[in-house]
Amino acid sequence: MDIEFAMQVVDKNNKDIGTAGKIFMDTWTGKPRKYLVTRNIPHAPDEIFMVPPEQVGEVAAGKVKLNVTVEELGEPST
């Protein structure tokens, strides 16, 4: 199963990170290079994480589970 827009994204401990947004494709190979994951925070700017395909653990039933924790993703962009 492929990652699709608006899929729920969780870390390896099932902690909710956000939703999948834009998928950046490699124009040469046609494979994904990075995924943009957005975390909506009420009354604050959204946090944006760039996730490379190597950090995707599994994709099933409309949910993406990463093989890293949210802390290991690094600082989000705002």
PDB file of N, CA and C in Angstrom:
ATOM      1  N   MET A   1       0.845  -1.178   0.000  1.00  0.00           N
ATOM      2  CA  MET A   1       0.000   0.000   0.000  1.00  0.00           C
ATOM      3  C   MET A   1       0.892   1.243   0.000  1.00  0.00           C
ATOM      4  N   ASP A   2       0.508   2.239  -0.770  1.00  0.00           N
ATOM      5  CA  ASP A   2       1.260   3.479  -0.861  1.00  0.00           C
ATOM      6  C   ASP A   2       0.723   4.527   0.109  1.00  0.00           C
ATOM      7  N   ILE A   3       1.581   5.446   0.490  1.00  0.00           N
ATOM      8  CA  ILE A   3       1.170   6.561   1.338  1.00  0.00           C
ATOM      9  C   ILE A   3       0.362   7.527   0.490  1.00  0.00           C
ATOM     10  N   GLU A   4      -0.773   7.950   1.014  1.00  0.00           N
ATOM     11  CA  GLU A   4      -1.656   8.868   0.309  1.00  0.00           C
ATOM     12  C   GLU A   4      -1.882  10.121   1.136  1.00  0.00           C
ATOM     13  N   PHE A   5      -2.310  11.172   0.464  1.00  0.00           N
ATOM     14  CA  PHE A   5      -2.602  12.452   1.105  1.00  0.00           C
ATOM     15  C   PHE A   5      -3.607  12.258   2.237  1.00  0.00           C
ATOM     16  N   ALA A   6      -3.390  12.917   3.360  1.00  0.00           N
ATOM     17  CA  ALA A   6      -4.267  12.953   4.536  1.00  0.00           C
ATOM     18  C   ALA A   6      -4.291  11.666   5.358  1.00  0.00           C
ATOM     19  N   MET A   7      -3.357  10.745   5.128  1.00  0.00           N
ATOM     20  CA  MET A   7      -3.276   9.558   5.979  1.00  0.00           C
ATOM     21  C   MET A   7      -2.739   9.951   7.347  1.00  0.00           C
ATOM     22  N   GLN A   8      -3.214   9.282   8.379  1.00  0.00           N
ATOM     23  CA  GLN A   8      -2.715   9.510   9.732  1.00  0.00           C
ATOM     24  C   GLN A   8      -1.294   8.973   9.832  1.00  0.00           C
ATOM     25  N   VAL A   9      -0.415   9.721  10.515  1.00  0.00           N
ATOM     26  CA  VAL A   9       0.979   9.311  10.703  1.00  0.00           C
ATOM     27  C   VAL A   9       1.252   9.207  12.193  1.00  0.00           C
ATOM     28  N   VAL A  10       1.808   8.051  12.609  1.00  0.00           N
ATOM     29  CA  VAL A  10       2.171   7.825  14.012  1.00  0.00           C
ATOM     30  C   VAL A  10       3.632   7.404  14.076  1.00  0.00           C
ATOM     31  N   ASP A  11       4.240   7.589  15.270  1.00  0.00           N
ATOM     32  CA  ASP A  11       5.630   7.155  15.427  1.00  0.00           C
ATOM     33  C   ASP A  11       5.667   5.680  15.806  1.00  0.00           C
ATOM     34  N   LYS A  12       6.861   5.151  16.069  1.00  0.00           N
ATOM     35  CA  LYS A  12       6.980   3.715  16.339  1.00  0.00           C
ATOM     36  C   LYS A  12       6.309   3.299  17.650  1.00  0.00           C
ATOM     37  N   ASN A  13       6.002   4.271  18.514  1.00  0.00           N
ATOM     38  CA  ASN A  13       5.299   3.990  19.768  1.00  0.00           C
ATOM     39  C   ASN A  13       3.807   4.284  19.666  1.00  0.00           C
ATOM     40  N   ASN A  14       3.302   4.430  18.437  1.00  0.00           N
ATOM     41  CA  ASN A  14       1.901   4.749  18.140  1.00  0.00           C
ATOM     42  C   ASN A  14       1.471   6.119  18.650  1.00  0.00           C
ATOM     43  N   LYS A  15       2.407   7.017  18.866  1.00  0.00           N
ATOM     44  CA  LYS A  15       2.087   8.392  19.252  1.00  0.00           C
ATOM     45  C   LYS A  15       1.729   9.169  17.989  1.00  0.00           C
ATOM     46  N   ASP A  16       0.586   9.841  18.001  1.00  0.00           N
ATOM     47  CA  ASP A  16       0.114  10.566  16.836  1.00  0.00           C
ATOM     48  C   ASP A  16       1.065  11.711  16.491  1.00  0.00           C
ATOM     49  N   ILE A  17       1.457  11.786  15.229  1.00  0.00           N
ATOM     50  CA  ILE A  17       2.316  12.870  14.756  1.00  0.00           C
ATOM     51  C   ILE A  17       1.497  13.871  13.961  1.00  0.00           C
ATOM     52  N   GLY A  18       0.671  13.398  13.065  1.00  0.00           N
ATOM     53  CA  GLY A  18      -0.134  14.303  12.238  1.00  0.00           C
ATOM     54  C   GLY A  18      -0.675  13.590  11.013  1.00  0.00           C
ATOM     55  N   THR A  19      -0.766  14.333   9.903  1.00  0.00           N
ATOM     56  CA  THR A  19      -1.285  13.758   8.670  1.00  0.00           C
ATOM     57  C   THR A  19      -0.289  13.954   7.525  1.00  0.00           C
ATOM     58  N   ALA A  20      -0.304  13.017   6.612  1.00  0.00           N
ATOM     59  CA  ALA A  20       0.564  13.098   5.445  1.00  0.00           C
ATOM     60  C   ALA A  20       0.045  14.179   4.513  1.00  0.00           C
ATOM     61  N   GLY A  21       0.970  14.995   4.047  1.00  0.00           N
ATOM     62  CA  GLY A  21       0.611  16.056   3.112  1.00  0.00           C
ATOM     63  C   GLY A  21       1.241  15.792   1.766  1.00  0.00           C
ATOM     64  N   LYS A  22       1.994  16.721   1.310  1.00  0.00           N
ATOM     65  CA  LYS A  22       2.634  16.615  -0.007  1.00  0.00           C
ATOM     66  C   LYS A  22       3.639  15.470  -0.042  1.00  0.00           C
ATOM     67  N   ILE A  23       3.683  14.804  -1.162  1.00  0.00           N
ATOM     68  CA  ILE A  23       4.651  13.739  -1.393  1.00  0.00           C
ATOM     69  C   ILE A  23       5.613  14.242  -2.464  1.00  0.00           C
ATOM     70  N   PHE A  24       6.884  14.347  -2.115  1.00  0.00           N
ATOM     71  CA  PHE A  24       7.900  14.824  -3.050  1.00  0.00           C
ATOM     72  C   PHE A  24       8.466  13.630  -3.806  1.00  0.00           C
ATOM     73  N   MET A  25       8.274  13.622  -5.120  1.00  0.00           N
ATOM     74  CA  MET A  25       8.690  12.503  -5.951  1.00  0.00           C
ATOM     75  C   MET A  25      10.017  12.802  -6.642  1.00  0.00           C
ATOM     76  N   ASP A  26      10.816  11.777  -6.829  1.00  0.00           N
ATOM     77  CA  ASP A  26      12.039  11.876  -7.610  1.00  0.00           C
ATOM     78  C   ASP A  26      11.635  11.818  -9.079  1.00  0.00           C
ATOM     79  N   THR A  27      11.921  12.858  -9.828  1.00  0.00           N
ATOM     80  CA  THR A  27      11.476  12.913 -11.224  1.00  0.00           C
ATOM     81  C   THR A  27      12.211  11.902 -12.104  1.00  0.00           C
ATOM     82  N   TRP A  28      13.366  11.464 -11.674  1.00  0.00           N
ATOM     83  CA  TRP A  28      14.121  10.501 -12.464  1.00  0.00           C
ATOM     84  C   TRP A  28      13.597   9.083 -12.268  1.00  0.00           C
ATOM     85  N   THR A  29      13.407   8.681 -11.002  1.00  0.00           N
ATOM     86  CA  THR A  29      12.983   7.299 -10.718  1.00  0.00           C
ATOM     87  C   THR A  29      11.481   7.156 -10.560  1.00  0.00           C
ATOM     88  N   GLY A  30      10.789   8.256 -10.255  1.00  0.00           N
ATOM     89  CA  GLY A  30       9.350   8.183 -10.012  1.00  0.00           C
ATOM     90  C   GLY A  30       8.995   7.686  -8.622  1.00  0.00           C
ATOM     91  N   LYS A  31       9.995   7.531  -7.764  1.00  0.00           N
ATOM     92  CA  LYS A  31       9.757   7.054  -6.393  1.00  0.00           C
ATOM     93  C   LYS A  31       9.741   8.238  -5.434  1.00  0.00           C
ATOM     94  N   PRO A  32       9.053   8.087  -4.286  1.00  0.00           N
ATOM     95  CA  PRO A  32       9.013   9.179  -3.302  1.00  0.00           C
ATOM     96  C   PRO A  32      10.390   9.456  -2.710  1.00  0.00           C
ATOM     97  N   ARG A  33      10.693  10.766  -2.554  1.00  0.00           N
ATOM     98  CA  ARG A  33      11.956  11.166  -1.922  1.00  0.00           C
ATOM     99  C   ARG A  33      11.737  11.620  -0.488  1.00  0.00           C
ATOM    100  N   LYS A  34      10.614  12.311  -0.245  1.00  0.00           N
ATOM    101  CA  LYS A  34      10.269  12.788   1.098  1.00  0.00           C
ATOM    102  C   LYS A  34       8.761  12.922   1.195  1.00  0.00           C
ATOM    103  N   TYR A  35       8.292  12.866   2.442  1.00  0.00           N
ATOM    104  CA  TYR A  35       6.878  13.082   2.737  1.00  0.00           C
ATOM    105  C   TYR A  35       6.773  14.268   3.687  1.00  0.00           C
ATOM    106  N   LEU A  36       5.834  15.135   3.432  1.00  0.00           N
ATOM    107  CA  LEU A  36       5.570  16.256   4.315  1.00  0.00           C
ATOM    108  C   LEU A  36       4.470  15.821   5.279  1.00  0.00           C
ATOM    109  N   VAL A  37       4.738  15.900   6.574  1.00  0.00           N
ATOM    110  CA  VAL A  37       3.768  15.523   7.604  1.00  0.00           C
ATOM    111  C   VAL A  37       3.439  16.769   8.410  1.00  0.00           C
ATOM    112  N   THR A  38       2.157  17.069   8.515  1.00  0.00           N
ATOM    113  CA  THR A  38       1.707  18.266   9.217  1.00  0.00           C
ATOM    114  C   THR A  38       1.020  17.892  10.514  1.00  0.00           C
ATOM    115  N   ARG A  39       1.432  18.561  11.590  1.00  0.00           N
ATOM    116  CA  ARG A  39       0.781  18.395  12.897  1.00  0.00           C
ATOM    117  C   ARG A  39       0.013  19.678  13.168  1.00  0.00           C
ATOM    118  N   ASN A  40      -1.307  19.568  13.266  1.00  0.00           N
ATOM    119  CA  ASN A  40      -2.156  20.722  13.563  1.00  0.00           C
ATOM    120  C   ASN A  40      -2.215  20.924  15.069  1.00  0.00           C
ATOM    121  N   ILE A  41      -1.840  22.127  15.502  1.00  0.00           N
ATOM    122  CA  ILE A  41      -1.861  22.468  16.918  1.00  0.00           C
ATOM    123  C   ILE A  41      -2.857  23.604  17.098  1.00  0.00           C
ATOM    124  N   PRO A  42      -3.891  23.405  17.925  1.00  0.00           N
ATOM    125  CA  PRO A  42      -4.873  24.473  18.128  1.00  0.00           C
ATOM    126  C   PRO A  42      -4.221  25.750  18.668  1.00  0.00           C
ATOM    127  N   HIS A  43      -4.608  26.878  18.113  1.00  0.00           N
ATOM    128  CA  HIS A  43      -4.148  28.199  18.566  1.00  0.00           C
ATOM    129  C   HIS A  43      -2.633  28.388  18.453  1.00  0.00           C
ATOM    130  N   ALA A  44      -2.008  27.691  17.503  1.00  0.00           N
ATOM    131  CA  ALA A  44      -0.572  27.831  17.272  1.00  0.00           C
ATOM    132  C   ALA A  44      -0.287  27.478  15.807  1.00  0.00           C
ATOM    133  N   PRO A  45       0.863  27.876  15.318  1.00  0.00           N
ATOM    134  CA  PRO A  45       1.212  27.499  13.935  1.00  0.00           C
ATOM    135  C   PRO A  45       1.369  25.982  13.808  1.00  0.00           C
ATOM    136  N   ASP A  46       1.040  25.463  12.636  1.00  0.00           N
ATOM    137  CA  ASP A  46       1.224  24.035  12.385  1.00  0.00           C
ATOM    138  C   ASP A  46       2.709  23.690  12.416  1.00  0.00           C
ATOM    139  N   GLU A  47       3.022  22.461  12.825  1.00  0.00           N
ATOM    140  CA  GLU A  47       4.389  21.962  12.760  1.00  0.00           C
ATOM    141  C   GLU A  47       4.491  21.085  11.520  1.00  0.00           C
ATOM    142  N   ILE A  48       5.607  21.203  10.813  1.00  0.00           N
ATOM    143  CA  ILE A  48       5.798  20.437   9.593  1.00  0.00           C
ATOM    144  C   ILE A  48       7.078  19.626   9.721  1.00  0.00           C
ATOM    145  N   PHE A  49       6.957  18.333   9.448  1.00  0.00           N
ATOM    146  CA  PHE A  49       8.106  17.432   9.467  1.00  0.00           C
ATOM    147  C   PHE A  49       8.337  16.904   8.060  1.00  0.00           C
ATOM    148  N   MET A  50       9.597  16.793   7.668  1.00  0.00           N
ATOM    149  CA  MET A  50       9.956  16.174   6.402  1.00  0.00           C
ATOM    150  C   MET A  50      10.461  14.772   6.734  1.00  0.00           C
ATOM    151  N   VAL A  51       9.791  13.763   6.195  1.00  0.00           N
ATOM    152  CA  VAL A  51      10.104  12.382   6.530  1.00  0.00           C
ATOM    153  C   VAL A  51      10.620  11.658   5.283  1.00  0.00           C
ATOM    154  N   PRO A  52      11.852  11.132   5.330  1.00  0.00           N
ATOM    155  CA  PRO A  52      12.365  10.362   4.189  1.00  0.00           C
ATOM    156  C   PRO A  52      11.759   8.957   4.184  1.00  0.00           C
ATOM    157  N   PRO A  53      11.717   8.305   3.037  1.00  0.00           N
ATOM    158  CA  PRO A  53      11.140   6.957   2.951  1.00  0.00           C
ATOM    159  C   PRO A  53      11.790   5.943   3.892  1.00  0.00           C
ATOM    160  N   GLU A  54      13.078   6.137   4.233  1.00  0.00           N
ATOM    161  CA  GLU A  54      13.763   5.191   5.117  1.00  0.00           C
ATOM    162  C   GLU A  54      13.160   5.161   6.516  1.00  0.00           C
ATOM    163  N   GLN A  55      12.431   6.225   6.912  1.00  0.00           N
ATOM    164  CA  GLN A  55      11.852   6.286   8.247  1.00  0.00           C
ATOM    165  C   GLN A  55      10.423   5.751   8.284  1.00  0.00           C
ATOM    166  N   VAL A  56       9.907   5.297   7.150  1.00  0.00           N
ATOM    167  CA  VAL A  56       8.559   4.724   7.110  1.00  0.00           C
ATOM    168  C   VAL A  56       8.669   3.249   7.431  1.00  0.00           C
ATOM    169  N   GLY A  57       7.985   2.828   8.492  1.00  0.00           N
ATOM    170  CA  GLY A  57       8.022   1.433   8.904  1.00  0.00           C
ATOM    171  C   GLY A  57       7.003   0.588   8.182  1.00  0.00           C
ATOM    172  N   GLU A  58       5.736   0.979   8.265  1.00  0.00           N
ATOM    173  CA  GLU A  58       4.670   0.229   7.599  1.00  0.00           C
ATOM    174  C   GLU A  58       3.508   1.150   7.247  1.00  0.00           C
ATOM    175  N   VAL A  59       2.783   0.738   6.229  1.00  0.00           N
ATOM    176  CA  VAL A  59       1.607   1.474   5.774  1.00  0.00           C
ATOM    177  C   VAL A  59       0.474   0.468   5.680  1.00  0.00           C
ATOM    178  N   ALA A  60      -0.591   0.677   6.478  1.00  0.00           N
ATOM    179  CA  ALA A  60      -1.713  -0.251   6.460  1.00  0.00           C
ATOM    180  C   ALA A  60      -2.974   0.433   6.964  1.00  0.00           C
ATOM    181  N   ALA A  61      -4.084   0.086   6.375  1.00  0.00           N
ATOM    182  CA  ALA A  61      -5.405   0.540   6.819  1.00  0.00           C
ATOM    183  C   ALA A  61      -5.491   2.046   7.032  1.00  0.00           C
ATOM    184  N   GLY A  62      -4.975   2.822   6.089  1.00  0.00           N
ATOM    185  CA  GLY A  62      -5.088   4.271   6.173  1.00  0.00           C
ATOM    186  C   GLY A  62      -4.208   4.918   7.213  1.00  0.00           C
ATOM    187  N   LYS A  63      -3.177   4.198   7.674  1.00  0.00           N
ATOM    188  CA  LYS A  63      -2.292   4.726   8.708  1.00  0.00           C
ATOM    189  C   LYS A  63      -0.843   4.437   8.343  1.00  0.00           C
ATOM    190  N   VAL A  64       0.013   5.423   8.596  1.00  0.00           N
ATOM    191  CA  VAL A  64       1.445   5.285   8.345  1.00  0.00           C
ATOM    192  C   VAL A  64       2.147   5.205   9.693  1.00  0.00           C
ATOM    193  N   LYS A  65       2.921   4.142   9.894  1.00  0.00           N
ATOM    194  CA  LYS A  65       3.676   3.998  11.134  1.00  0.00           C
ATOM    195  C   LYS A  65       5.154   4.137  10.793  1.00  0.00           C
ATOM    196  N   LEU A  66       5.808   5.105  11.444  1.00  0.00           N
ATOM    197  CA  LEU A  66       7.231   5.326  11.215  1.00  0.00           C
ATOM    198  C   LEU A  66       8.051   4.370  12.064  1.00  0.00           C
ATOM    199  N   ASN A  67       9.323   4.204  11.717  1.00  0.00           N
ATOM    200  CA  ASN A  67      10.201   3.354  12.523  1.00  0.00           C
ATOM    201  C   ASN A  67      11.108   4.181  13.433  1.00  0.00           C
ATOM    202  N   VAL A  68      10.697   5.437  13.690  1.00  0.00           N
ATOM    203  CA  VAL A  68      11.400   6.334  14.612  1.00  0.00           C
ATOM    204  C   VAL A  68      10.369   6.997  15.528  1.00  0.00           C
ATOM    205  N   THR A  69      10.855   7.574  16.619  1.00  0.00           N
ATOM    206  CA  THR A  69       9.958   8.315  17.505  1.00  0.00           C
ATOM    207  C   THR A  69       9.838   9.747  17.016  1.00  0.00           C
ATOM    208  N   VAL A  70       8.836  10.455  17.511  1.00  0.00           N
ATOM    209  CA  VAL A  70       8.643  11.848  17.114  1.00  0.00           C
ATOM    210  C   VAL A  70       9.843  12.693  17.533  1.00  0.00           C
ATOM    211  N   GLU A  71      10.480  12.353  18.628  1.00  0.00           N
ATOM    212  CA  GLU A  71      11.660  13.090  19.080  1.00  0.00           C
ATOM    213  C   GLU A  71      12.838  12.902  18.136  1.00  0.00           C
ATOM    214  N   GLU A  72      12.926  11.736  17.515  1.00  0.00           N
ATOM    215  CA  GLU A  72      14.024  11.441  16.587  1.00  0.00           C
ATOM    216  C   GLU A  72      13.851  12.136  15.228  1.00  0.00           C
ATOM    217  N   LEU A  73      12.670  12.661  14.962  1.00  0.00           N
ATOM    218  CA  LEU A  73      12.430  13.365  13.689  1.00  0.00           C
ATOM    219  C   LEU A  73      13.165  14.693  13.615  1.00  0.00           C
ATOM    220  N   GLY A  74      13.514  15.235  14.755  1.00  0.00           N
ATOM    221  CA  GLY A  74      14.217  16.507  14.781  1.00  0.00           C
ATOM    222  C   GLY A  74      13.265  17.665  14.962  1.00  0.00           C
ATOM    223  N   GLU A  75      13.771  18.867  14.789  1.00  0.00           N
ATOM    224  CA  GLU A  75      12.979  20.071  14.968  1.00  0.00           C
ATOM    225  C   GLU A  75      12.000  20.247  13.811  1.00  0.00           C
ATOM    226  N   PRO A  76      10.735  20.492  14.128  1.00  0.00           N
ATOM    227  CA  PRO A  76       9.772  20.743  13.048  1.00  0.00           C
ATOM    228  C   PRO A  76       9.951  22.136  12.466  1.00  0.00           C
ATOM    229  N   SER A  77       9.499  22.296  11.240  1.00  0.00           N
ATOM    230  CA  SER A  77       9.444  23.627  10.621  1.00  0.00           C
ATOM    231  C   SER A  77       8.086  24.209  10.962  1.00  0.00           C
ATOM    232  N   THR A  78       7.997  25.531  11.029  1.00  0.00           N
ATOM    233  CA  THR A  78       6.707  26.143  11.313  1.00  0.00           C
ATOM    234  C   THR A  78       6.282  27.032  10.162  1.00  0.00           C
TER     235      THR A  78
END
